[in-house]
Amino acid sequence: MPYKKYNWPQLFSDYEQSGLSQTEFCKQHEINPKYFSLKLSKRKASEGSPFAKAIVQAEVEYTTSLVLHIGHCKILCPSTMPIPSFVALVKALA
């Protein structure tokens, strides 16, 4: 059986509007119900999270500093910044 590409956002929308059980919806659209359920669970988990993904990495220029990337925003924090202040900054941005 060839690999199928699905438009997951459209399928989830169609499913939510269909009023069908997951099993019946998957049967009508020839989708593995376990795979559909897994994809739906991952989508709900990512939508339900109030947190944004943040990447913190040490960056070396002349001194070591902490760099906080959030989307297109880059915040440079000096290496001398107290950890509680950095934690407060991250919480304030959440």
C-alpha atoms as a PDB file:
ATOM      1  CA  MET A   1       0.000   0.000   0.000  1.00  0.00           C
ATOM      2  CA  PRO A   2       1.545   3.358  -1.018  1.00  0.00           C
ATOM      3  CA  TYR A   3       2.263   6.007   1.574  1.00  0.00           C
ATOM      4  CA  LYS A   4      -0.481   8.651   1.817  1.00  0.00           C
ATOM      5  CA  LYS A   5       0.041  12.278   2.749  1.00  0.00           C
ATOM      6  CA  TYR A   6      -2.787  13.764   4.769  1.00  0.00           C
ATOM      7  CA  ASN A   7      -3.829  17.348   5.320  1.00  0.00           C
ATOM      8  CA  TRP A   8      -4.088  16.838   9.083  1.00  0.00           C
ATOM      9  CA  PRO A   9      -5.531  20.250  10.017  1.00  0.00           C
ATOM     10  CA  GLN A  10      -8.300  19.755   7.445  1.00  0.00           C
ATOM     11  CA  LEU A  11      -8.946  16.172   8.567  1.00  0.00           C
ATOM     12  CA  PHE A  12      -9.190  17.232  12.220  1.00  0.00           C
ATOM     13  CA  SER A  13     -11.634  19.983  11.281  1.00  0.00           C
ATOM     14  CA  ASP A  14     -13.698  17.565   9.178  1.00  0.00           C
ATOM     15  CA  TYR A  15     -13.716  15.020  12.012  1.00  0.00           C
ATOM     16  CA  GLU A  16     -14.828  17.586  14.614  1.00  0.00           C
ATOM     17  CA  GLN A  17     -17.679  18.734  12.360  1.00  0.00           C
ATOM     18  CA  SER A  18     -18.728  15.234  11.283  1.00  0.00           C
ATOM     19  CA  GLY A  19     -20.308  14.075  14.533  1.00  0.00           C
ATOM     20  CA  LEU A  20     -18.857  10.619  13.826  1.00  0.00           C
ATOM     21  CA  SER A  21     -16.834   8.462  16.159  1.00  0.00           C
ATOM     22  CA  GLN A  22     -13.095   8.375  15.430  1.00  0.00           C
ATOM     23  CA  THR A  23     -13.429   4.779  14.288  1.00  0.00           C
ATOM     24  CA  GLU A  24     -16.225   5.543  11.828  1.00  0.00           C
ATOM     25  CA  PHE A  25     -14.534   8.704  10.533  1.00  0.00           C
ATOM     26  CA  CYS A  26     -11.276   6.813   9.971  1.00  0.00           C
ATOM     27  CA  LYS A  27     -13.102   3.970   8.235  1.00  0.00           C
ATOM     28  CA  GLN A  28     -14.791   6.419   5.833  1.00  0.00           C
ATOM     29  CA  HIS A  29     -11.469   8.161   5.074  1.00  0.00           C
ATOM     30  CA  GLU A  30      -9.370   4.966   4.998  1.00  0.00           C
ATOM     31  CA  ILE A  31      -7.099   6.118   7.835  1.00  0.00           C
ATOM     32  CA  ASN A  32      -5.584   3.877  10.488  1.00  0.00           C
ATOM     33  CA  PRO A  33      -7.617   4.793  13.621  1.00  0.00           C
ATOM     34  CA  LYS A  34      -4.642   4.334  15.954  1.00  0.00           C
ATOM     35  CA  TYR A  35      -2.502   6.672  13.837  1.00  0.00           C
ATOM     36  CA  PHE A  36      -5.318   9.235  13.642  1.00  0.00           C
ATOM     37  CA  SER A  37      -5.785   9.095  17.404  1.00  0.00           C
ATOM     38  CA  LEU A  38      -2.045   9.572  17.971  1.00  0.00           C
ATOM     39  CA  LYS A  39      -1.890  12.599  15.639  1.00  0.00           C
ATOM     40  CA  LEU A  40      -5.017  14.099  17.232  1.00  0.00           C
ATOM     41  CA  SER A  41      -3.598  13.640  20.738  1.00  0.00           C
ATOM     42  CA  LYS A  42      -0.346  15.353  19.748  1.00  0.00           C
ATOM     43  CA  ARG A  43      -2.263  18.262  18.236  1.00  0.00           C
ATOM     44  CA  LYS A  44      -4.397  18.705  21.353  1.00  0.00           C
ATOM     45  CA  ALA A  45      -1.316  18.529  23.585  1.00  0.00           C
ATOM     46  CA  SER A  46       0.478  21.211  21.588  1.00  0.00           C
ATOM     47  CA  GLU A  47      -2.589  23.481  21.486  1.00  0.00           C
ATOM     48  CA  GLY A  48      -3.356  23.067  25.174  1.00  0.00           C
ATOM     49  CA  SER A  49       0.078  24.085  26.375  1.00  0.00           C
ATOM     50  CA  PRO A  50       0.346  27.669  27.691  1.00  0.00           C
ATOM     51  CA  PHE A  51       4.116  27.569  27.187  1.00  0.00           C
ATOM     52  CA  ALA A  52       6.146  28.604  24.180  1.00  0.00           C
ATOM     53  CA  LYS A  53       9.197  26.661  23.135  1.00  0.00           C
ATOM     54  CA  ALA A  54      12.300  28.539  24.242  1.00  0.00           C
ATOM     55  CA  ILE A  55      15.881  27.595  23.458  1.00  0.00           C
ATOM     56  CA  VAL A  56      18.544  28.757  25.896  1.00  0.00           C
ATOM     57  CA  GLN A  57      22.154  28.414  24.900  1.00  0.00           C
ATOM     58  CA  ALA A  58      25.446  29.814  26.073  1.00  0.00           C
ATOM     59  CA  GLU A  59      26.951  32.210  23.567  1.00  0.00           C
ATOM     60  CA  VAL A  60      30.589  33.223  23.672  1.00  0.00           C
ATOM     61  CA  GLU A  61      31.665  36.625  22.435  1.00  0.00           C
ATOM     62  CA  TYR A  62      34.094  38.303  24.839  1.00  0.00           C
ATOM     63  CA  THR A  63      32.396  36.824  27.873  1.00  0.00           C
ATOM     64  CA  THR A  64      29.940  33.987  28.286  1.00  0.00           C
ATOM     65  CA  SER A  65      26.311  35.039  28.301  1.00  0.00           C
ATOM     66  CA  LEU A  66      22.923  33.386  28.273  1.00  0.00           C
ATOM     67  CA  VAL A  67      20.869  33.856  25.127  1.00  0.00           C
ATOM     68  CA  LEU A  68      17.128  33.325  25.215  1.00  0.00           C
ATOM     69  CA  HIS A  69      15.446  32.813  21.812  1.00  0.00           C
ATOM     70  CA  ILE A  70      11.658  33.124  21.606  1.00  0.00           C
ATOM     71  CA  GLY A  71      10.423  33.178  18.036  1.00  0.00           C
ATOM     72  CA  HIS A  72      12.287  35.981  16.286  1.00  0.00           C
ATOM     73  CA  CYS A  73      13.236  37.645  19.580  1.00  0.00           C
ATOM     74  CA  LYS A  74      16.729  37.226  21.024  1.00  0.00           C
ATOM     75  CA  ILE A  75      17.463  38.292  24.614  1.00  0.00           C
ATOM     76  CA  LEU A  76      21.088  38.384  25.732  1.00  0.00           C
ATOM     77  CA  CYS A  77      21.654  38.062  29.471  1.00  0.00           C
ATOM     78  CA  PRO A  78      25.103  38.615  30.983  1.00  0.00           C
ATOM     79  CA  SER A  79      26.824  35.640  32.543  1.00  0.00           C
ATOM     80  CA  THR A  80      26.800  37.568  35.834  1.00  0.00           C
ATOM     81  CA  MET A  81      22.990  37.625  35.883  1.00  0.00           C
ATOM     82  CA  PRO A  82      21.750  35.838  39.020  1.00  0.00           C
ATOM     83  CA  ILE A  83      19.901  32.605  38.242  1.00  0.00           C
ATOM     84  CA  PRO A  84      16.770  33.705  40.185  1.00  0.00           C
ATOM     85  CA  SER A  85      16.583  36.817  37.980  1.00  0.00           C
ATOM     86  CA  PHE A  86      16.888  34.693  34.852  1.00  0.00           C
ATOM     87  CA  VAL A  87      14.154  32.340  36.113  1.00  0.00           C
ATOM     88  CA  ALA A  88      11.913  35.347  36.868  1.00  0.00           C
ATOM     89  CA  LEU A  89      12.499  36.650  33.330  1.00  0.00           C
ATOM     90  CA  VAL A  90      11.530  33.300  31.791  1.00  0.00           C
ATOM     91  CA  LYS A  91       8.388  33.109  33.967  1.00  0.00           C
ATOM     92  CA  ALA A  92       7.419  36.665  33.031  1.00  0.00           C
ATOM     93  CA  LEU A  93       7.695  35.796  29.341  1.00  0.00           C
ATOM     94  CA  ALA A  94       5.629  32.587  29.664  1.00  0.00           C
END
